[in-house]
């Protein structure tokens, strides 16, 4: 198995001083994380401080969102060019919380995908179903629709990498478990959809499929042991440096 990919989404969970301190602790401990690839996505206001704290480590810096234009009258937005200036390499796009609370559409997600790939950034594309969609057997249709709409008119050059994060919306922050077989099956459905959109070699060598949804140190090893799971997207468990370090160690065993 290649190095598991561990992505921390700190959301709006840490005060600036706490975010900076957490990044410093993780940076100091990173020599012990050699068997995993780690990306930390702080809030926009903490990107500069967190990026500075991570500078001497191999931990990569990510952002929780972006806008599709580099300049212009877009109050409150942040450009990919601006993110790049802080050393950001990865960008979460289409997270369910933005789709729900900020009414982000598939069309907006697609624009962000096109902009990120054009800038040679690594998009972390989030897709997932609600409990009602799962209960009514719409899960695979929803995932395929979100993936195809997000990837509309996109193409990966040899320089591009893409991460697809499957997050069942009903699982996020719930502490609930999902059957390992269901995760494996779902990731295979996602991979097959990608094969329908892109050349097989691109899918096999330039795209990772990761899982998110109540990931913690106790379940992460079982998750990354699944053949089709390349890593995890971690929320709450990533905000405590001790807990997150334990999670990374468990995943990298």
C-alpha atoms as a PDB file:
ATOM      1  CA  UNK A   1       0.000   0.000   0.000  1.00  0.00           C
ATOM      2  CA  UNK A   2       1.214   3.533  -0.788  1.00  0.00           C
ATOM      3  CA  UNK A   3       1.456   6.024   2.047  1.00  0.00           C
ATOM      4  CA  UNK A   4      -2.039   6.711   3.408  1.00  0.00           C
ATOM      5  CA  UNK A   5      -3.188  10.271   2.793  1.00  0.00           C
ATOM      6  CA  UNK A   6      -4.387  11.989   5.973  1.00  0.00           C
ATOM      7  CA  UNK A   7      -6.145  15.331   5.477  1.00  0.00           C
ATOM      8  CA  UNK A   8      -7.156  17.479   8.455  1.00  0.00           C
ATOM      9  CA  UNK A   9     -10.125  19.807   8.026  1.00  0.00           C
ATOM     10  CA  UNK A  10     -10.025  22.163  11.000  1.00  0.00           C
ATOM     11  CA  UNK A  11     -13.214  23.910   9.845  1.00  0.00           C
ATOM     12  CA  UNK A  12     -13.920  26.856  12.206  1.00  0.00           C
ATOM     13  CA  UNK A  13     -12.913  24.898  15.306  1.00  0.00           C
ATOM     14  CA  UNK A  14      -9.704  26.540  16.538  1.00  0.00           C
ATOM     15  CA  UNK A  15      -8.889  30.037  17.734  1.00  0.00           C
ATOM     16  CA  UNK A  16      -5.823  31.558  16.003  1.00  0.00           C
ATOM     17  CA  UNK A  17      -3.447  30.872  18.905  1.00  0.00           C
ATOM     18  CA  UNK A  18      -4.685  27.288  19.210  1.00  0.00           C
ATOM     19  CA  UNK A  19      -4.306  26.675  15.467  1.00  0.00           C
ATOM     20  CA  UNK A  20      -0.756  28.007  15.468  1.00  0.00           C
ATOM     21  CA  UNK A  21       0.183  25.962  18.541  1.00  0.00           C
ATOM     22  CA  UNK A  22      -1.354  22.782  17.092  1.00  0.00           C
ATOM     23  CA  UNK A  23       0.564  23.265  13.845  1.00  0.00           C
ATOM     24  CA  UNK A  24       3.842  23.772  15.731  1.00  0.00           C
ATOM     25  CA  UNK A  25       3.293  20.580  17.740  1.00  0.00           C
ATOM     26  CA  UNK A  26       2.464  18.556  14.625  1.00  0.00           C
ATOM     27  CA  UNK A  27       5.426  20.012  12.752  1.00  0.00           C
ATOM     28  CA  UNK A  28       7.755  19.015  15.588  1.00  0.00           C
ATOM     29  CA  UNK A  29       6.349  15.472  15.650  1.00  0.00           C
ATOM     30  CA  UNK A  30       6.295  14.999  11.871  1.00  0.00           C
ATOM     31  CA  UNK A  31       9.517  12.980  11.710  1.00  0.00           C
ATOM     32  CA  UNK A  32       7.493  10.190  13.322  1.00  0.00           C
ATOM     33  CA  UNK A  33       4.832  10.382  10.585  1.00  0.00           C
ATOM     34  CA  UNK A  34       7.084   9.274   7.725  1.00  0.00           C
ATOM     35  CA  UNK A  35       4.766   6.481   6.640  1.00  0.00           C
ATOM     36  CA  UNK A  36       1.867   8.870   5.945  1.00  0.00           C
ATOM     37  CA  UNK A  37       1.241  11.945   3.801  1.00  0.00           C
ATOM     38  CA  UNK A  38      -0.422  14.706   5.838  1.00  0.00           C
ATOM     39  CA  UNK A  39      -2.275  17.862   4.758  1.00  0.00           C
ATOM     40  CA  UNK A  40      -3.680  20.424   7.197  1.00  0.00           C
ATOM     41  CA  UNK A  41      -6.519  22.756   6.137  1.00  0.00           C
ATOM     42  CA  UNK A  42      -6.967  25.586   8.659  1.00  0.00           C
ATOM     43  CA  UNK A  43      -9.460  28.437   8.406  1.00  0.00           C
ATOM     44  CA  UNK A  44      -8.499  31.307   6.087  1.00  0.00           C
ATOM     45  CA  UNK A  45      -7.532  33.627   8.943  1.00  0.00           C
ATOM     46  CA  UNK A  46      -5.023  31.056  10.237  1.00  0.00           C
ATOM     47  CA  UNK A  47      -3.391  30.073   6.948  1.00  0.00           C
ATOM     48  CA  UNK A  48      -0.403  32.419   7.279  1.00  0.00           C
ATOM     49  CA  UNK A  49       0.449  31.395  10.855  1.00  0.00           C
ATOM     50  CA  UNK A  50      -0.141  27.685  10.261  1.00  0.00           C
ATOM     51  CA  UNK A  51       1.844  27.791   7.032  1.00  0.00           C
ATOM     52  CA  UNK A  52       4.744  29.418   8.861  1.00  0.00           C
ATOM     53  CA  UNK A  53       4.614  26.753  11.595  1.00  0.00           C
ATOM     54  CA  UNK A  54       4.673  23.945   9.020  1.00  0.00           C
ATOM     55  CA  UNK A  55       7.424  25.483   6.890  1.00  0.00           C
ATOM     56  CA  UNK A  56      10.243  23.202   8.077  1.00  0.00           C
ATOM     57  CA  UNK A  57       8.192  20.006   8.004  1.00  0.00           C
ATOM     58  CA  UNK A  58       6.852  17.883   5.166  1.00  0.00           C
ATOM     59  CA  UNK A  59       3.259  18.500   6.256  1.00  0.00           C
ATOM     60  CA  UNK A  60       1.415  20.182   3.397  1.00  0.00           C
ATOM     61  CA  UNK A  61      -0.838  23.222   3.721  1.00  0.00           C
ATOM     62  CA  UNK A  62      -4.395  23.149   2.422  1.00  0.00           C
ATOM     63  CA  UNK A  63      -7.369  25.515   2.282  1.00  0.00           C
ATOM     64  CA  UNK A  64     -11.028  24.840   3.052  1.00  0.00           C
ATOM     65  CA  UNK A  65     -12.364  26.571  -0.067  1.00  0.00           C
ATOM     66  CA  UNK A  66     -11.458  28.940  -2.900  1.00  0.00           C
ATOM     67  CA  UNK A  67     -13.056  31.234  -5.471  1.00  0.00           C
ATOM     68  CA  UNK A  68     -12.879  30.659  -9.221  1.00  0.00           C
ATOM     69  CA  UNK A  69     -11.600  34.127 -10.159  1.00  0.00           C
ATOM     70  CA  UNK A  70      -8.155  35.457  -9.242  1.00  0.00           C
ATOM     71  CA  UNK A  71      -9.138  39.133  -9.058  1.00  0.00           C
ATOM     72  CA  UNK A  72     -12.281  41.251  -9.021  1.00  0.00           C
ATOM     73  CA  UNK A  73     -15.213  42.610  -7.001  1.00  0.00           C
ATOM     74  CA  UNK A  74     -15.907  39.448  -4.999  1.00  0.00           C
ATOM     75  CA  UNK A  75     -16.291  40.598  -1.407  1.00  0.00           C
ATOM     76  CA  UNK A  76     -15.416  37.990   1.184  1.00  0.00           C
ATOM     77  CA  UNK A  77     -13.923  35.485  -1.277  1.00  0.00           C
ATOM     78  CA  UNK A  78     -10.325  34.313  -1.547  1.00  0.00           C
ATOM     79  CA  UNK A  79      -8.516  33.590  -4.789  1.00  0.00           C
ATOM     80  CA  UNK A  80      -6.353  30.638  -5.693  1.00  0.00           C
ATOM     81  CA  UNK A  81      -3.534  33.077  -6.469  1.00  0.00           C
ATOM     82  CA  UNK A  82      -3.848  34.442  -2.947  1.00  0.00           C
ATOM     83  CA  UNK A  83      -3.812  30.956  -1.452  1.00  0.00           C
ATOM     84  CA  UNK A  84      -0.767  29.983  -3.484  1.00  0.00           C
ATOM     85  CA  UNK A  85       1.146  32.974  -2.071  1.00  0.00           C
ATOM     86  CA  UNK A  86       0.796  31.415   1.388  1.00  0.00           C
ATOM     87  CA  UNK A  87       2.121  28.047   0.218  1.00  0.00           C
ATOM     88  CA  UNK A  88      -1.236  26.287  -0.138  1.00  0.00           C
ATOM     89  CA  UNK A  89      -1.105  23.207  -2.356  1.00  0.00           C
ATOM     90  CA  UNK A  90      -4.468  21.505  -1.665  1.00  0.00           C
ATOM     91  CA  UNK A  91      -8.004  22.944  -1.651  1.00  0.00           C
ATOM     92  CA  UNK A  92     -11.183  21.367  -0.296  1.00  0.00           C
ATOM     93  CA  UNK A  93     -13.960  21.907  -2.837  1.00  0.00           C
ATOM     94  CA  UNK A  94     -17.681  21.159  -2.520  1.00  0.00           C
ATOM     95  CA  UNK A  95     -17.801  20.221   1.148  1.00  0.00           C
ATOM     96  CA  UNK A  96     -21.335  19.275   2.212  1.00  0.00           C
ATOM     97  CA  UNK A  97     -21.417  22.035   4.837  1.00  0.00           C
ATOM     98  CA  UNK A  98     -20.887  24.654   2.121  1.00  0.00           C
ATOM     99  CA  UNK A  99     -23.466  22.980  -0.104  1.00  0.00           C
ATOM    100  CA  UNK A 100     -25.979  23.001   2.766  1.00  0.00           C
ATOM    101  CA  UNK A 101     -25.346  26.261   4.616  1.00  0.00           C
ATOM    102  CA  UNK A 102     -24.114  28.450   1.737  1.00  0.00           C
ATOM    103  CA  UNK A 103     -26.188  26.838  -1.029  1.00  0.00           C
ATOM    104  CA  UNK A 104     -23.127  26.003  -3.102  1.00  0.00           C
ATOM    105  CA  UNK A 105     -24.285  24.386  -6.345  1.00  0.00           C
ATOM    106  CA  UNK A 106     -22.736  21.753  -8.591  1.00  0.00           C
ATOM    107  CA  UNK A 107     -22.071  24.514 -11.134  1.00  0.00           C
ATOM    108  CA  UNK A 108     -20.088  26.518  -8.562  1.00  0.00           C
ATOM    109  CA  UNK A 109     -18.150  23.417  -7.560  1.00  0.00           C
ATOM    110  CA  UNK A 110     -17.302  22.808 -11.220  1.00  0.00           C
ATOM    111  CA  UNK A 111     -15.969  26.362 -11.645  1.00  0.00           C
ATOM    112  CA  UNK A 112     -13.745  25.907  -8.609  1.00  0.00           C
ATOM    113  CA  UNK A 113     -12.513  22.548  -9.912  1.00  0.00           C
ATOM    114  CA  UNK A 114     -11.602  24.052 -13.283  1.00  0.00           C
ATOM    115  CA  UNK A 115      -9.770  26.949 -11.633  1.00  0.00           C
ATOM    116  CA  UNK A 116      -7.865  24.748  -9.182  1.00  0.00           C
ATOM    117  CA  UNK A 117      -6.707  22.292 -11.842  1.00  0.00           C
ATOM    118  CA  UNK A 118      -5.719  25.117 -14.188  1.00  0.00           C
ATOM    119  CA  UNK A 119      -3.514  26.483 -11.390  1.00  0.00           C
ATOM    120  CA  UNK A 120      -1.968  23.028 -10.752  1.00  0.00           C
ATOM    121  CA  UNK A 121      -3.458  22.931  -7.258  1.00  0.00           C
ATOM    122  CA  UNK A 122      -4.744  19.646  -5.836  1.00  0.00           C
ATOM    123  CA  UNK A 123      -8.541  19.712  -5.427  1.00  0.00           C
ATOM    124  CA  UNK A 124     -10.038  17.669  -2.613  1.00  0.00           C
ATOM    125  CA  UNK A 125     -13.478  17.142  -4.134  1.00  0.00           C
ATOM    126  CA  UNK A 126     -16.119  16.208  -1.545  1.00  0.00           C
ATOM    127  CA  UNK A 127     -19.159  14.135  -2.496  1.00  0.00           C
ATOM    128  CA  UNK A 128     -21.702  12.396  -0.293  1.00  0.00           C
ATOM    129  CA  UNK A 129     -25.316  11.478   0.324  1.00  0.00           C
ATOM    130  CA  UNK A 130     -27.810  12.438   3.026  1.00  0.00           C
ATOM    131  CA  UNK A 131     -29.510   9.857   5.209  1.00  0.00           C
ATOM    132  CA  UNK A 132     -32.775  10.279   3.280  1.00  0.00           C
ATOM    133  CA  UNK A 133     -31.001   9.772  -0.044  1.00  0.00           C
ATOM    134  CA  UNK A 134     -29.388   6.627   1.317  1.00  0.00           C
ATOM    135  CA  UNK A 135     -32.675   5.359   2.782  1.00  0.00           C
ATOM    136  CA  UNK A 136     -34.446   5.782  -0.562  1.00  0.00           C
ATOM    137  CA  UNK A 137     -31.681   3.998  -2.512  1.00  0.00           C
ATOM    138  CA  UNK A 138     -30.482   7.158  -4.295  1.00  0.00           C
ATOM    139  CA  UNK A 139     -26.967   7.005  -2.891  1.00  0.00           C
ATOM    140  CA  UNK A 140     -25.085   5.838  -5.987  1.00  0.00           C
ATOM    141  CA  UNK A 141     -27.060   8.164  -8.243  1.00  0.00           C
ATOM    142  CA  UNK A 142     -26.251  11.160  -6.012  1.00  0.00           C
ATOM    143  CA  UNK A 143     -22.539  10.344  -5.878  1.00  0.00           C
ATOM    144  CA  UNK A 144     -22.315   9.805  -9.622  1.00  0.00           C
ATOM    145  CA  UNK A 145     -24.221  13.033 -10.323  1.00  0.00           C
ATOM    146  CA  UNK A 146     -22.075  15.131  -7.997  1.00  0.00           C
ATOM    147  CA  UNK A 147     -18.884  13.632  -9.390  1.00  0.00           C
ATOM    148  CA  UNK A 148     -19.840  14.013 -13.044  1.00  0.00           C
ATOM    149  CA  UNK A 149     -21.110  17.575 -12.566  1.00  0.00           C
ATOM    150  CA  UNK A 150     -17.976  18.584 -10.680  1.00  0.00           C
ATOM    151  CA  UNK A 151     -15.762  17.062 -13.386  1.00  0.00           C
ATOM    152  CA  UNK A 152     -17.681  18.567 -16.322  1.00  0.00           C
ATOM    153  CA  UNK A 153     -15.243  19.825 -18.980  1.00  0.00           C
ATOM    154  CA  UNK A 154     -12.256  19.136 -16.726  1.00  0.00           C
ATOM    155  CA  UNK A 155      -9.133  17.321 -17.853  1.00  0.00           C
ATOM    156  CA  UNK A 156      -6.097  16.283 -15.870  1.00  0.00           C
ATOM    157  CA  UNK A 157      -2.711  17.123 -17.333  1.00  0.00           C
ATOM    158  CA  UNK A 158       0.335  15.101 -16.315  1.00  0.00           C
ATOM    159  CA  UNK A 159       0.993  17.744 -13.644  1.00  0.00           C
ATOM    160  CA  UNK A 160      -2.456  17.446 -12.066  1.00  0.00           C
ATOM    161  CA  UNK A 161      -3.469  15.384  -9.064  1.00  0.00           C
ATOM    162  CA  UNK A 162      -7.013  14.969  -7.754  1.00  0.00           C
ATOM    163  CA  UNK A 163      -8.407  13.683  -4.473  1.00  0.00           C
ATOM    164  CA  UNK A 164     -12.032  12.588  -4.249  1.00  0.00           C
ATOM    165  CA  UNK A 165     -13.325  12.492  -0.674  1.00  0.00           C
ATOM    166  CA  UNK A 166     -16.397  10.369  -0.062  1.00  0.00           C
ATOM    167  CA  UNK A 167     -18.191  11.738   2.994  1.00  0.00           C
ATOM    168  CA  UNK A 168     -21.608  10.300   3.808  1.00  0.00           C
ATOM    169  CA  UNK A 169     -23.268  13.476   5.061  1.00  0.00           C
ATOM    170  CA  UNK A 170     -25.279  11.680   7.714  1.00  0.00           C
ATOM    171  CA  UNK A 171     -22.031  10.364   9.238  1.00  0.00           C
ATOM    172  CA  UNK A 172     -20.104  13.629   9.617  1.00  0.00           C
ATOM    173  CA  UNK A 173     -19.517  14.363  13.291  1.00  0.00           C
ATOM    174  CA  UNK A 174     -22.109  11.784  14.321  1.00  0.00           C
ATOM    175  CA  UNK A 175     -19.814   9.188  15.848  1.00  0.00           C
ATOM    176  CA  UNK A 176     -21.771   6.535  13.966  1.00  0.00           C
ATOM    177  CA  UNK A 177     -20.080   3.646  12.179  1.00  0.00           C
ATOM    178  CA  UNK A 178     -20.481   2.511   8.597  1.00  0.00           C
ATOM    179  CA  UNK A 179     -19.871  -1.029   7.400  1.00  0.00           C
ATOM    180  CA  UNK A 180     -16.394  -1.527   5.896  1.00  0.00           C
ATOM    181  CA  UNK A 181     -17.892  -3.482   2.997  1.00  0.00           C
ATOM    182  CA  UNK A 182     -20.197  -0.574   2.178  1.00  0.00           C
ATOM    183  CA  UNK A 183     -17.267   1.847   2.135  1.00  0.00           C
ATOM    184  CA  UNK A 184     -15.286  -0.443  -0.146  1.00  0.00           C
ATOM    185  CA  UNK A 185     -18.240  -0.896  -2.510  1.00  0.00           C
ATOM    186  CA  UNK A 186     -18.901   2.854  -2.593  1.00  0.00           C
ATOM    187  CA  UNK A 187     -15.278   3.658  -3.408  1.00  0.00           C
ATOM    188  CA  UNK A 188     -15.382   1.134  -6.235  1.00  0.00           C
ATOM    189  CA  UNK A 189     -18.494   2.832  -7.629  1.00  0.00           C
ATOM    190  CA  UNK A 190     -16.680   6.177  -7.480  1.00  0.00           C
ATOM    191  CA  UNK A 191     -13.628   4.730  -9.202  1.00  0.00           C
ATOM    192  CA  UNK A 192     -15.735   3.190 -11.956  1.00  0.00           C
ATOM    193  CA  UNK A 193     -17.415   6.552 -12.528  1.00  0.00           C
ATOM    194  CA  UNK A 194     -13.981   8.138 -12.842  1.00  0.00           C
ATOM    195  CA  UNK A 195     -13.012   5.459 -15.379  1.00  0.00           C
ATOM    196  CA  UNK A 196     -16.055   6.521 -17.388  1.00  0.00           C
ATOM    197  CA  UNK A 197     -14.841  10.128 -17.361  1.00  0.00           C
ATOM    198  CA  UNK A 198     -11.064   9.843 -17.726  1.00  0.00           C
ATOM    199  CA  UNK A 199      -8.421   7.464 -19.144  1.00  0.00           C
ATOM    200  CA  UNK A 200      -7.704   4.473 -16.923  1.00  0.00           C
ATOM    201  CA  UNK A 201      -4.042   5.433 -16.453  1.00  0.00           C
ATOM    202  CA  UNK A 202      -5.031   8.900 -15.201  1.00  0.00           C
ATOM    203  CA  UNK A 203      -7.468   7.415 -12.690  1.00  0.00           C
ATOM    204  CA  UNK A 204      -4.947   4.831 -11.504  1.00  0.00           C
ATOM    205  CA  UNK A 205      -1.950   7.135 -11.139  1.00  0.00           C
ATOM    206  CA  UNK A 206      -3.257  10.665 -10.555  1.00  0.00           C
ATOM    207  CA  UNK A 207      -6.405  10.268  -8.462  1.00  0.00           C
ATOM    208  CA  UNK A 208      -6.811   9.200  -4.843  1.00  0.00           C
ATOM    209  CA  UNK A 209     -10.149   8.288  -3.256  1.00  0.00           C
ATOM    210  CA  UNK A 210     -10.379   8.912   0.476  1.00  0.00           C
ATOM    211  CA  UNK A 211     -13.064   8.507   3.125  1.00  0.00           C
ATOM    212  CA  UNK A 212     -14.417  11.023   5.642  1.00  0.00           C
ATOM    213  CA  UNK A 213     -17.031  10.682   8.340  1.00  0.00           C
ATOM    214  CA  UNK A 214     -16.340  10.351  12.081  1.00  0.00           C
ATOM    215  CA  UNK A 215     -12.771   9.171  11.472  1.00  0.00           C
ATOM    216  CA  UNK A 216     -10.854   8.611  14.714  1.00  0.00           C
ATOM    217  CA  UNK A 217      -7.744   6.766  16.003  1.00  0.00           C
ATOM    218  CA  UNK A 218      -9.822   3.672  16.751  1.00  0.00           C
ATOM    219  CA  UNK A 219     -11.306   3.137  13.282  1.00  0.00           C
ATOM    220  CA  UNK A 220      -8.725   4.684  10.940  1.00  0.00           C
ATOM    221  CA  UNK A 221      -6.596   1.557  10.531  1.00  0.00           C
ATOM    222  CA  UNK A 222      -9.572  -0.512   9.401  1.00  0.00           C
ATOM    223  CA  UNK A 223     -10.560   2.246   6.972  1.00  0.00           C
ATOM    224  CA  UNK A 224      -7.189   2.643   5.251  1.00  0.00           C
ATOM    225  CA  UNK A 225      -6.826  -1.150   5.095  1.00  0.00           C
ATOM    226  CA  UNK A 226      -9.677  -1.286   2.586  1.00  0.00           C
ATOM    227  CA  UNK A 227      -8.224  -1.887  -0.920  1.00  0.00           C
ATOM    228  CA  UNK A 228     -10.042   1.087  -2.475  1.00  0.00           C
ATOM    229  CA  UNK A 229      -9.471   3.577   0.369  1.00  0.00           C
ATOM    230  CA  UNK A 230      -6.364   5.710  -0.188  1.00  0.00           C
ATOM    231  CA  UNK A 231      -6.701   7.777   2.969  1.00  0.00           C
ATOM    232  CA  UNK A 232      -9.057   9.767   5.163  1.00  0.00           C
ATOM    233  CA  UNK A 233     -10.461  13.270   5.623  1.00  0.00           C
ATOM    234  CA  UNK A 234     -10.552  14.009   9.339  1.00  0.00           C
ATOM    235  CA  UNK A 235     -12.640  16.640  11.112  1.00  0.00           C
ATOM    236  CA  UNK A 236     -12.914  16.880  14.897  1.00  0.00           C
ATOM    237  CA  UNK A 237     -10.224  14.303  15.652  1.00  0.00           C
ATOM    238  CA  UNK A 238      -7.656  16.416  13.774  1.00  0.00           C
ATOM    239  CA  UNK A 239      -7.966  19.509  15.980  1.00  0.00           C
ATOM    240  CA  UNK A 240      -6.195  17.964  18.986  1.00  0.00           C
ATOM    241  CA  UNK A 241      -2.491  17.381  18.156  1.00  0.00           C
ATOM    242  CA  UNK A 242      -2.223  14.387  20.498  1.00  0.00           C
ATOM    243  CA  UNK A 243      -5.333  12.693  19.122  1.00  0.00           C
ATOM    244  CA  UNK A 244      -4.390  13.505  15.532  1.00  0.00           C
ATOM    245  CA  UNK A 245      -0.845  12.197  16.035  1.00  0.00           C
ATOM    246  CA  UNK A 246      -2.310   8.973  17.413  1.00  0.00           C
ATOM    247  CA  UNK A 247      -4.599   8.742  14.380  1.00  0.00           C
ATOM    248  CA  UNK A 248      -1.709   9.221  11.945  1.00  0.00           C
ATOM    249  CA  UNK A 249       0.370   6.557  13.709  1.00  0.00           C
ATOM    250  CA  UNK A 250      -2.538   4.114  13.585  1.00  0.00           C
ATOM    251  CA  UNK A 251      -3.084   4.751   9.876  1.00  0.00           C
ATOM    252  CA  UNK A 252       0.595   4.395   9.021  1.00  0.00           C
ATOM    253  CA  UNK A 253       1.204   1.066  10.792  1.00  0.00           C
END
